[in-house]
Amino acid sequence: MNKTVDILLTNIGQLLLMEKLDSPKKGNEMQQLSYLENAALGITGNEISFIGTIEEAKEIKTNYLIDCEGKIVSPGLVDPHTHVVFGGSREHELALKQQGVPYLEILKQGGGILSTVRATREISEEDLYKKAKFHLDRMLSYGITTVEGKSGYGLDKETELKQLRVLKKLNQRHEMDIVSTFLGAHAIPANYKENPDAFLDEMLAMLPQIKEENLATYVDIFCETGVFTVEQSKRFMLAAKDAGFDVKIHADEIDSLGGTELAGEVKAISAEHLVGASDRGIKALAEAGTIAVLLPGTTFYLGKEKYARARTMIEEGVAVTISTDFNPGSCVTENIQMIMSLAALKLKMTPEEIWNAVTINAAHAIGKEDEAGYLALGGNADVVIWDAPNYKYIPYHYGVNHANTVIKNGKVVFERVKRVEQISSP
């Protein structure tokens, strides 16, 4: 073999591949994990140009060699549900949570989402960009290379557009790939409390401009007690589909209202949270092919005992993924590795299911299945080297950052310990 690559990773203990698929993994498929042992991987430009054994790699020439020392290597992780663009913070609400004050009560008092809305309206676009970039940089250090970001902290035209424009700029300038979702229907602002349908109309009126400026791929709505009803959510989602958008839904996070059933009925690309999803709703997701995006970090942070029924969903044939739900009120973490541990401990998912959930299934949940969540010849060179001896170790050893080196589009963008050795040109 006479081949030259830009970067060569060798002495890989386990190389997790996660094959590229036309549809997300469901049921028993989620238990299947594709990997090679004693492997090597080559990168040329921004693509994977070699996958093989350590012995085969000895024939390959490179200018940059990374000795992985038996560590595991995986595709860059995909986080399919975040609220990364927001103003302010809400640490003052922690004491209320400790006292057992329900989130919906905090919301009634002007806290929760509405508190962040005020801060996001007041912050400049430049400062909003800087703040979001800080959080994205931290996500990147945890091995996330593709992320979804939602608006929803404006609840008015000006601020919602500001959030979406920040997301668009970040996608253009940041190392990470960012998929934008318009979540204008995230809460009911105080001046529309008596007429939420008029507020939904105002949000729907923004869709032509959002489409024209290419500011969002998806449209989302929060279907929950005290926010939007199933009927309102259905009207909103169908109107968004008519406007040319795929739709998502925050469904049954706290109460079982029927939002999960609605997600299946309108064939949403994903339904998210789903703690209160009914048996009927879970079956509706499976029949529609709607992906379940589960957020165990939110349940943990809110101090709830009931978690989404991941095992039932997988057994019923629902494609499941997990996410940080990074936001300032109900899940304040960029650490998706911690979420992987919670998926094992609280959702009872196996290591194999968890790895599929944060790679190929998550990519499908945000329409990035052709670009992210797998490693294959000719595919994008989004790669993570982990300080772990095998793939089961990461969800097992919780609360720390196992990412050693993160490569995005063929460039090293994060290095905990410098491992790249420059080789003299032949």
Protein backbone atom coordinates (compact mmCIF):
# COMPACT_ATOMS: atom_id res chain seq x y z
CA MET A 1 0.00 0.00 0.00
CA ASN A 2 1.43 3.37 -1.03
CA LYS A 3 -0.79 5.98 0.58
CA THR A 4 -0.29 9.33 2.29
CA VAL A 5 -2.75 10.94 4.72
CA ASP A 6 -2.73 14.26 6.55
CA ILE A 7 -3.38 12.77 10.00
CA LEU A 8 -3.00 9.15 11.04
CA LEU A 9 -4.51 7.79 14.24
CA THR A 10 -2.95 4.45 15.12
CA ASN A 11 -2.91 2.00 18.03
CA ILE A 12 -6.67 2.45 18.55
CA GLY A 13 -8.06 -0.04 21.06
CA GLN A 14 -11.66 0.19 19.81
CA LEU A 15 -12.72 2.22 16.78
CA LEU A 16 -16.47 2.85 16.97
CA LEU A 17 -17.84 3.19 13.46
CA MET A 18 -21.65 3.46 13.71
CA GLU A 19 -22.47 2.71 10.10
CA LYS A 20 -24.28 5.31 8.00
CA LEU A 21 -27.96 4.36 7.75
CA ASP A 22 -31.00 5.62 5.85
CA SER A 23 -33.05 5.52 9.05
CA PRO A 24 -32.24 5.64 12.77
CA LYS A 25 -31.73 2.45 14.76
CA LYS A 26 -34.81 1.05 16.46
CA GLY A 27 -35.59 -1.81 18.83
CA ASN A 28 -32.94 -4.52 18.86
CA GLU A 29 -30.93 -2.58 16.26
CA MET A 30 -29.94 -0.15 19.01
CA GLN A 31 -28.11 -2.99 20.73
CA GLN A 32 -25.84 -3.44 17.71
CA LEU A 33 -22.60 -1.48 17.85
CA SER A 34 -20.15 -1.58 14.97
CA TYR A 35 -16.48 -1.31 15.95
CA LEU A 36 -12.99 -2.52 15.09
CA GLU A 37 -10.27 -3.49 17.54
CA ASN A 38 -6.55 -2.76 17.17
CA ALA A 39 -7.40 -0.29 14.44
CA ALA A 40 -6.08 2.79 12.66
CA LEU A 41 -7.79 5.71 10.94
CA GLY A 42 -6.48 8.18 8.38
CA ILE A 43 -7.73 11.68 7.58
CA THR A 44 -7.10 13.63 4.40
CA GLY A 45 -8.50 17.13 4.23
CA ASN A 46 -11.85 16.99 6.01
CA GLU A 47 -12.61 13.35 5.12
CA ILE A 48 -11.86 9.88 6.42
CA SER A 49 -9.42 8.38 3.90
CA PHE A 50 -8.30 5.17 5.62
CA ILE A 51 -9.79 2.65 8.05
CA GLY A 52 -7.86 -0.52 8.78
CA THR A 53 -5.64 -2.42 11.16
CA ILE A 54 -2.55 -1.22 12.96
CA GLU A 55 -0.46 -3.49 10.71
CA GLU A 56 -1.97 -2.01 7.55
CA ALA A 57 -1.33 1.49 8.88
CA LYS A 58 2.43 0.83 8.93
CA GLU A 59 2.38 1.18 5.14
CA ILE A 60 0.79 4.64 5.29
CA LYS A 61 2.79 7.87 5.23
CA THR A 62 1.71 10.93 7.17
CA ASN A 63 2.93 14.28 8.42
CA TYR A 64 0.99 14.03 11.68
CA LEU A 65 0.81 10.86 13.74
CA ILE A 66 -1.42 10.36 16.78
CA ASP A 67 -0.63 7.32 18.91
CA CYS A 68 -3.94 6.54 20.62
CA GLU A 69 -2.24 4.18 23.11
CA GLY A 70 -5.09 1.68 23.08
CA LYS A 71 -7.80 4.28 23.72
CA ILE A 72 -11.20 4.22 22.08
CA VAL A 73 -12.03 6.45 19.12
CA SER A 74 -15.56 7.39 18.05
CA PRO A 75 -17.43 9.72 15.73
CA GLY A 76 -17.99 13.22 17.08
CA LEU A 77 -21.06 13.22 19.30
CA VAL A 78 -24.34 14.86 18.27
CA ASP A 79 -26.48 16.83 20.74
CA PRO A 80 -29.99 17.13 19.24
CA HIS A 81 -31.71 19.42 21.78
CA THR A 82 -30.16 22.53 23.34
CA HIS A 83 -31.11 26.11 24.17
CA VAL A 84 -27.58 27.43 23.85
CA VAL A 85 -28.40 31.06 22.95
CA PHE A 86 -29.76 32.94 25.94
CA GLY A 87 -29.09 35.93 28.15
CA GLY A 88 -28.44 35.90 31.89
CA SER A 89 -28.60 32.92 34.26
CA ARG A 90 -30.99 31.66 36.93
CA GLU A 91 -28.90 30.41 39.84
CA HIS A 92 -31.23 32.31 42.20
CA GLU A 93 -33.96 29.77 41.41
CA LEU A 94 -31.94 26.89 42.84
CA ALA A 95 -33.06 27.71 46.39
CA LEU A 96 -36.70 27.57 45.27
CA LYS A 97 -36.12 24.17 43.71
CA GLN A 98 -34.50 23.00 46.97
CA GLN A 99 -37.62 24.09 48.83
CA GLY A 100 -39.71 21.96 46.51
CA VAL A 101 -41.40 24.80 44.63
CA PRO A 102 -42.70 23.25 41.37
CA TYR A 103 -41.33 24.62 38.12
CA LEU A 104 -44.77 25.67 36.91
CA GLU A 105 -45.16 27.72 40.12
CA ILE A 106 -41.79 29.41 39.51
CA LEU A 107 -43.05 30.21 36.03
CA LYS A 108 -46.21 31.80 37.43
CA GLN A 109 -44.05 34.02 39.66
CA GLY A 110 -42.28 35.44 36.61
CA GLY A 111 -39.27 33.17 36.90
CA GLY A 112 -38.32 30.25 34.72
CA ILE A 113 -38.48 30.91 31.01
CA LEU A 114 -39.89 34.40 31.48
CA SER A 115 -36.84 35.45 33.54
CA THR A 116 -34.52 34.37 30.75
CA VAL A 117 -36.74 36.10 28.20
CA ARG A 118 -36.16 39.44 29.94
CA ALA A 119 -32.39 38.92 30.01
CA THR A 120 -32.28 37.81 26.37
CA ARG A 121 -34.28 40.82 25.22
CA GLU A 122 -31.87 43.15 27.03
CA ILE A 123 -28.53 41.66 25.89
CA SER A 124 -26.90 42.90 22.68
CA GLU A 125 -26.53 40.59 19.71
CA GLU A 126 -22.74 40.81 20.01
CA ASP A 127 -22.75 39.80 23.68
CA LEU A 128 -25.31 37.08 22.99
CA TYR A 129 -22.95 35.67 20.34
CA LYS A 130 -19.98 35.72 22.74
CA LYS A 131 -21.97 34.01 25.49
CA ALA A 132 -23.24 31.26 23.20
CA LYS A 133 -19.77 30.73 21.77
CA PHE A 134 -18.42 30.17 25.28
CA HIS A 135 -20.95 27.39 25.84
CA LEU A 136 -20.32 25.84 22.41
CA ASP A 137 -16.58 25.79 23.08
CA ARG A 138 -17.25 23.86 26.27
CA MET A 139 -19.55 21.42 24.46
CA LEU A 140 -16.82 20.85 21.89
CA SER A 141 -14.40 19.95 24.68
CA TYR A 142 -16.82 17.21 25.78
CA GLY A 143 -16.78 15.60 22.33
CA ILE A 144 -19.86 17.23 20.75
CA THR A 145 -19.18 18.23 17.16
CA THR A 146 -22.75 18.74 15.90
CA VAL A 147 -25.52 20.42 17.87
CA GLU A 148 -29.08 21.69 17.57
CA GLY A 149 -29.84 25.13 18.99
CA LYS A 150 -33.34 26.44 19.67
CA SER A 151 -34.59 29.98 19.96
CA GLY A 152 -37.48 30.60 22.34
CA TYR A 153 -36.16 33.15 24.81
CA GLY A 154 -37.48 36.13 22.90
CA LEU A 155 -41.22 35.55 22.63
CA ASP A 156 -41.33 38.55 20.34
CA LYS A 157 -40.28 39.01 16.74
CA GLU A 158 -37.19 41.13 17.36
CA THR A 159 -35.57 38.89 19.98
CA GLU A 160 -36.49 35.58 18.33
CA LEU A 161 -34.84 36.81 15.12
CA LYS A 162 -31.84 37.98 17.16
CA GLN A 163 -31.39 34.48 18.60
CA LEU A 164 -31.75 32.81 15.22
CA ARG A 165 -29.28 35.21 13.60
CA VAL A 166 -26.77 34.47 16.34
CA LEU A 167 -27.19 30.75 15.69
CA LYS A 168 -26.68 31.30 11.97
CA LYS A 169 -23.48 33.30 12.58
CA LEU A 170 -22.20 30.65 14.96
CA ASN A 171 -22.83 27.95 12.36
CA GLN A 172 -20.82 29.99 9.86
CA ARG A 173 -17.93 30.82 12.19
CA HIS A 174 -17.70 28.17 14.90
CA GLU A 175 -15.93 24.84 14.42
CA MET A 176 -19.12 23.03 15.37
CA ASP A 177 -22.02 22.36 12.96
CA ILE A 178 -25.20 23.95 14.32
CA VAL A 179 -28.77 23.18 13.27
CA SER A 180 -31.29 25.91 14.18
CA THR A 181 -34.83 25.41 15.43
CA PHE A 182 -37.42 28.17 15.81
CA LEU A 183 -39.08 27.73 19.20
CA GLY A 184 -41.01 30.98 19.36
CA ALA A 185 -43.87 29.03 20.96
CA HIS A 186 -41.80 28.27 24.07
CA ALA A 187 -44.03 30.05 26.59
CA ILE A 188 -46.90 32.53 26.70
CA PRO A 189 -45.70 36.10 27.32
CA ALA A 190 -47.55 38.06 30.01
CA ASN A 191 -49.27 40.37 27.52
CA TYR A 192 -50.82 37.36 25.74
CA LYS A 193 -51.92 35.35 28.80
CA GLU A 194 -55.57 35.86 27.94
CA ASN A 195 -55.12 35.27 24.23
CA PRO A 196 -52.42 32.65 23.51
CA ASP A 197 -53.85 31.92 20.06
CA ALA A 198 -53.07 35.47 18.99
CA PHE A 199 -49.49 34.97 20.16
CA LEU A 200 -49.22 31.78 18.10
CA ASP A 201 -50.47 33.70 15.09
CA GLU A 202 -47.75 36.29 15.68
CA MET A 203 -45.11 33.55 15.77
CA LEU A 204 -46.49 31.91 12.63
CA ALA A 205 -46.36 35.25 10.83
CA MET A 206 -42.57 35.15 11.25
CA LEU A 207 -42.13 31.94 9.26
CA PRO A 208 -41.85 33.50 5.77
CA GLN A 209 -39.00 35.76 6.94
CA ILE A 210 -37.28 32.89 8.77
CA LYS A 211 -37.51 30.82 5.59
CA GLU A 212 -36.29 33.68 3.38
CA GLU A 213 -33.25 34.37 5.59
CA ASN A 214 -32.58 30.65 6.10
CA LEU A 215 -32.61 31.09 9.86
CA ALA A 216 -34.08 27.75 10.93
CA THR A 217 -34.55 24.21 9.69
CA TYR A 218 -37.20 23.18 12.21
CA VAL A 219 -40.14 24.68 14.09
CA ASP A 220 -40.88 23.55 17.66
CA ILE A 221 -43.60 24.17 20.27
CA PHE A 222 -43.92 23.51 24.02
CA CYS A 223 -47.07 21.46 24.60
CA GLU A 224 -47.59 21.37 28.37
CA THR A 225 -49.86 22.43 31.21
CA GLY A 226 -49.74 26.20 31.52
CA VAL A 227 -48.23 26.61 28.07
CA PHE A 228 -49.90 25.34 24.87
CA THR A 229 -52.64 22.77 24.59
CA VAL A 230 -52.67 19.80 22.25
CA GLU A 231 -55.19 21.56 20.02
CA GLN A 232 -53.11 24.74 19.84
CA SER A 233 -49.96 22.74 19.21
CA LYS A 234 -51.58 20.82 16.38
CA ARG A 235 -52.75 23.98 14.64
CA PHE A 236 -49.31 25.54 15.02
CA MET A 237 -47.39 22.47 13.81
CA LEU A 238 -49.60 21.93 10.76
CA ALA A 239 -49.26 25.60 9.80
CA ALA A 240 -45.47 25.32 10.13
CA LYS A 241 -45.47 22.25 7.90
CA ASP A 242 -47.57 24.13 5.34
CA ALA A 243 -44.91 26.86 5.44
CA GLY A 244 -42.25 24.32 4.45
CA PHE A 245 -40.72 23.42 7.82
CA ASP A 246 -40.24 20.06 9.48
CA VAL A 247 -41.60 20.13 13.02
CA LYS A 248 -40.60 19.08 16.52
CA ILE A 249 -42.51 19.18 19.80
CA HIS A 250 -41.71 19.48 23.51
CA ALA A 251 -44.24 16.87 24.60
CA ASP A 252 -45.51 15.53 27.93
CA GLU A 253 -42.53 16.75 29.94
CA ILE A 254 -44.47 17.17 33.18
CA ASP A 255 -48.07 16.10 32.55
CA SER A 256 -49.44 13.50 30.17
CA LEU A 257 -51.54 15.69 27.87
CA GLY A 258 -51.36 13.78 24.60
CA GLY A 259 -48.50 15.66 23.00
CA THR A 260 -46.74 12.38 22.26
CA GLU A 261 -49.76 11.11 20.34
CA LEU A 262 -49.87 14.41 18.48
CA ALA A 263 -46.21 14.03 17.46
CA GLY A 264 -47.06 10.72 15.83
CA GLU A 265 -50.24 12.07 14.24
CA VAL A 266 -48.48 14.97 12.48
CA LYS A 267 -45.33 12.88 11.83
CA ALA A 268 -42.99 15.21 13.65
CA ILE A 269 -39.32 14.46 13.06
CA SER A 270 -38.88 14.24 16.84
CA ALA A 271 -40.78 14.43 20.11
CA GLU A 272 -38.74 15.63 23.08
CA HIS A 273 -38.84 15.10 26.88
CA LEU A 274 -41.68 12.49 26.94
CA VAL A 275 -41.52 11.78 30.68
CA GLY A 276 -45.30 11.49 30.79
CA ALA A 277 -45.73 9.72 27.45
CA SER A 278 -48.58 7.20 27.47
CA ASP A 279 -48.47 3.68 26.04
CA ARG A 280 -50.64 4.88 23.20
CA GLY A 281 -48.33 7.80 22.56
CA ILE A 282 -45.26 5.58 22.45
CA LYS A 283 -46.94 3.32 19.91
CA ALA A 284 -47.84 6.39 17.86
CA LEU A 285 -44.15 7.41 17.75
CA ALA A 286 -43.16 3.94 16.58
CA GLU A 287 -45.81 3.87 13.85
CA ALA A 288 -44.92 7.35 12.58
CA GLY A 289 -41.14 6.89 12.76
CA THR A 290 -40.88 9.93 15.04
CA ILE A 291 -37.62 9.96 17.02
CA ALA A 292 -37.79 10.18 20.82
CA VAL A 293 -35.31 12.73 22.20
CA LEU A 294 -34.96 11.96 25.91
CA LEU A 295 -33.52 14.44 28.39
CA PRO A 296 -32.66 12.67 31.66
CA GLY A 297 -30.48 15.57 32.84
CA THR A 298 -33.59 17.75 33.05
CA THR A 299 -35.47 15.21 35.15
CA PHE A 300 -32.41 14.89 37.39
CA TYR A 301 -31.93 18.64 37.82
CA LEU A 302 -35.62 19.23 38.58
CA GLY A 303 -35.45 16.57 41.29
CA LYS A 304 -38.11 14.36 39.75
CA GLU A 305 -38.29 10.64 40.46
CA LYS A 306 -40.08 9.64 37.25
CA TYR A 307 -37.91 9.41 34.12
CA ALA A 308 -38.91 8.83 30.50
CA ARG A 309 -39.61 5.17 29.77
CA ALA A 310 -36.73 4.49 27.43
CA ARG A 311 -36.94 0.72 27.81
CA THR A 312 -40.60 0.65 26.79
CA MET A 313 -39.88 2.93 23.84
CA ILE A 314 -37.04 0.76 22.59
CA GLU A 315 -39.10 -2.42 23.04
CA GLU A 316 -41.96 -0.84 21.06
CA GLY A 317 -39.61 0.02 18.18
CA VAL A 318 -39.13 3.74 18.77
CA ALA A 319 -35.82 5.26 17.69
CA VAL A 320 -34.37 6.80 20.85
CA THR A 321 -31.73 9.48 21.30
CA ILE A 322 -30.57 11.49 24.30
CA SER A 323 -29.46 15.09 24.75
CA THR A 324 -28.20 17.57 27.32
CA ASP A 325 -31.16 19.96 26.94
CA PHE A 326 -28.58 22.59 27.93
CA ASN A 327 -30.54 25.60 29.16
CA PRO A 328 -30.34 28.11 32.03
CA GLY A 329 -33.26 26.83 34.09
CA SER A 330 -33.89 23.12 34.02
CA CYS A 331 -30.61 21.53 32.88
CA VAL A 332 -27.50 23.64 33.29
CA THR A 333 -24.82 21.40 31.81
CA GLU A 334 -22.92 21.13 28.54
CA ASN A 335 -21.60 17.69 29.56
CA ILE A 336 -23.25 15.10 27.36
CA GLN A 337 -21.05 12.43 28.94
CA MET A 338 -22.91 13.00 32.22
CA ILE A 339 -26.15 12.53 30.29
CA MET A 340 -24.82 9.22 28.97
CA SER A 341 -24.31 8.09 32.58
CA LEU A 342 -27.83 9.18 33.53
CA ALA A 343 -29.16 7.25 30.54
CA ALA A 344 -27.52 4.14 31.95
CA LEU A 345 -28.52 4.71 35.57
CA LYS A 346 -31.99 6.22 35.19
CA LEU A 347 -33.22 5.24 31.72
CA LYS A 348 -31.72 1.73 32.01
CA MET A 349 -30.20 1.94 28.56
CA THR A 350 -27.27 -0.33 27.66
CA PRO A 351 -23.88 1.09 26.66
CA GLU A 352 -24.52 0.05 23.06
CA GLU A 353 -27.89 1.82 23.00
CA ILE A 354 -26.37 4.92 24.55
CA TRP A 355 -23.59 5.18 21.96
CA ASN A 356 -26.08 4.80 19.11
CA ALA A 357 -28.29 7.41 20.81
CA VAL A 358 -25.56 10.08 20.88
CA THR A 359 -24.28 9.43 17.36
CA ILE A 360 -26.28 8.11 14.42
CA ASN A 361 -29.75 8.39 16.01
CA ALA A 362 -29.08 11.93 17.22
CA ALA A 363 -27.88 12.88 13.74
CA HIS A 364 -31.17 11.62 12.26
CA ALA A 365 -33.11 13.70 14.82
CA ILE A 366 -31.68 16.91 13.34
CA GLY A 367 -31.35 15.92 9.69
CA LYS A 368 -27.56 15.44 9.78
CA GLU A 369 -27.45 11.70 9.15
CA ASP A 370 -25.44 12.13 5.93
CA GLU A 371 -22.76 14.20 7.65
CA ALA A 372 -22.50 13.20 11.30
CA GLY A 373 -22.73 10.33 13.75
CA TYR A 374 -20.64 7.72 11.91
CA LEU A 375 -17.14 7.02 10.57
CA ALA A 376 -16.70 5.70 7.05
CA LEU A 377 -14.41 6.16 4.08
CA GLY A 378 -15.28 9.45 2.43
CA GLY A 379 -17.28 10.59 5.43
CA ASN A 380 -16.69 13.71 7.48
CA ALA A 381 -13.63 13.59 9.73
CA ASP A 382 -15.42 14.38 13.01
CA VAL A 383 -13.52 12.20 15.46
CA VAL A 384 -13.03 11.94 19.23
CA ILE A 385 -10.20 10.16 21.06
CA TRP A 386 -11.31 9.17 24.57
CA ASP A 387 -9.31 8.54 27.73
CA ALA A 388 -11.05 5.19 28.14
CA PRO A 389 -10.05 1.56 27.54
CA ASN A 390 -13.41 0.52 26.02
CA TYR A 391 -16.78 2.01 25.05
CA LYS A 392 -18.52 0.78 28.22
CA TYR A 393 -16.24 2.87 30.41
CA ILE A 394 -17.65 6.30 29.53
CA PRO A 395 -21.21 5.87 30.87
CA TYR A 396 -19.76 3.90 33.80
CA HIS A 397 -17.31 6.57 35.05
CA TYR A 398 -19.51 9.62 35.51
CA GLY A 399 -19.06 13.31 36.20
CA VAL A 400 -15.72 13.89 34.47
CA ASN A 401 -14.57 14.72 30.95
CA HIS A 402 -13.15 11.68 29.16
CA ALA A 403 -12.52 13.48 25.85
CA ASN A 404 -8.80 13.57 25.10
CA THR A 405 -8.72 14.96 21.57
CA VAL A 406 -11.51 16.30 19.34
CA ILE A 407 -11.09 16.55 15.57
CA LYS A 408 -13.67 18.50 13.58
CA ASN A 409 -13.63 18.48 9.78
CA GLY A 410 -10.10 17.08 9.84
CA LYS A 411 -8.66 19.68 12.24
CA VAL A 412 -7.69 19.17 15.87
CA VAL A 413 -9.94 21.63 17.74
CA PHE A 414 -9.46 20.38 21.30
CA GLU A 415 -6.56 18.60 22.96
CA ARG A 416 -6.42 17.79 26.66
CA VAL A 417 -2.87 16.46 26.39
CA LYS A 418 -0.88 17.14 23.25
CA ARG A 419 -0.45 13.84 21.43
CA VAL A 420 0.18 14.91 17.84
CA GLU A 421 3.71 14.16 16.68
CA GLN A 422 4.88 16.02 13.59
CA ILE A 423 6.74 13.74 11.24
CA SER A 424 9.37 15.14 8.93
CA SER A 425 8.28 15.22 5.33
CA PRO A 426 9.80 12.35 3.32
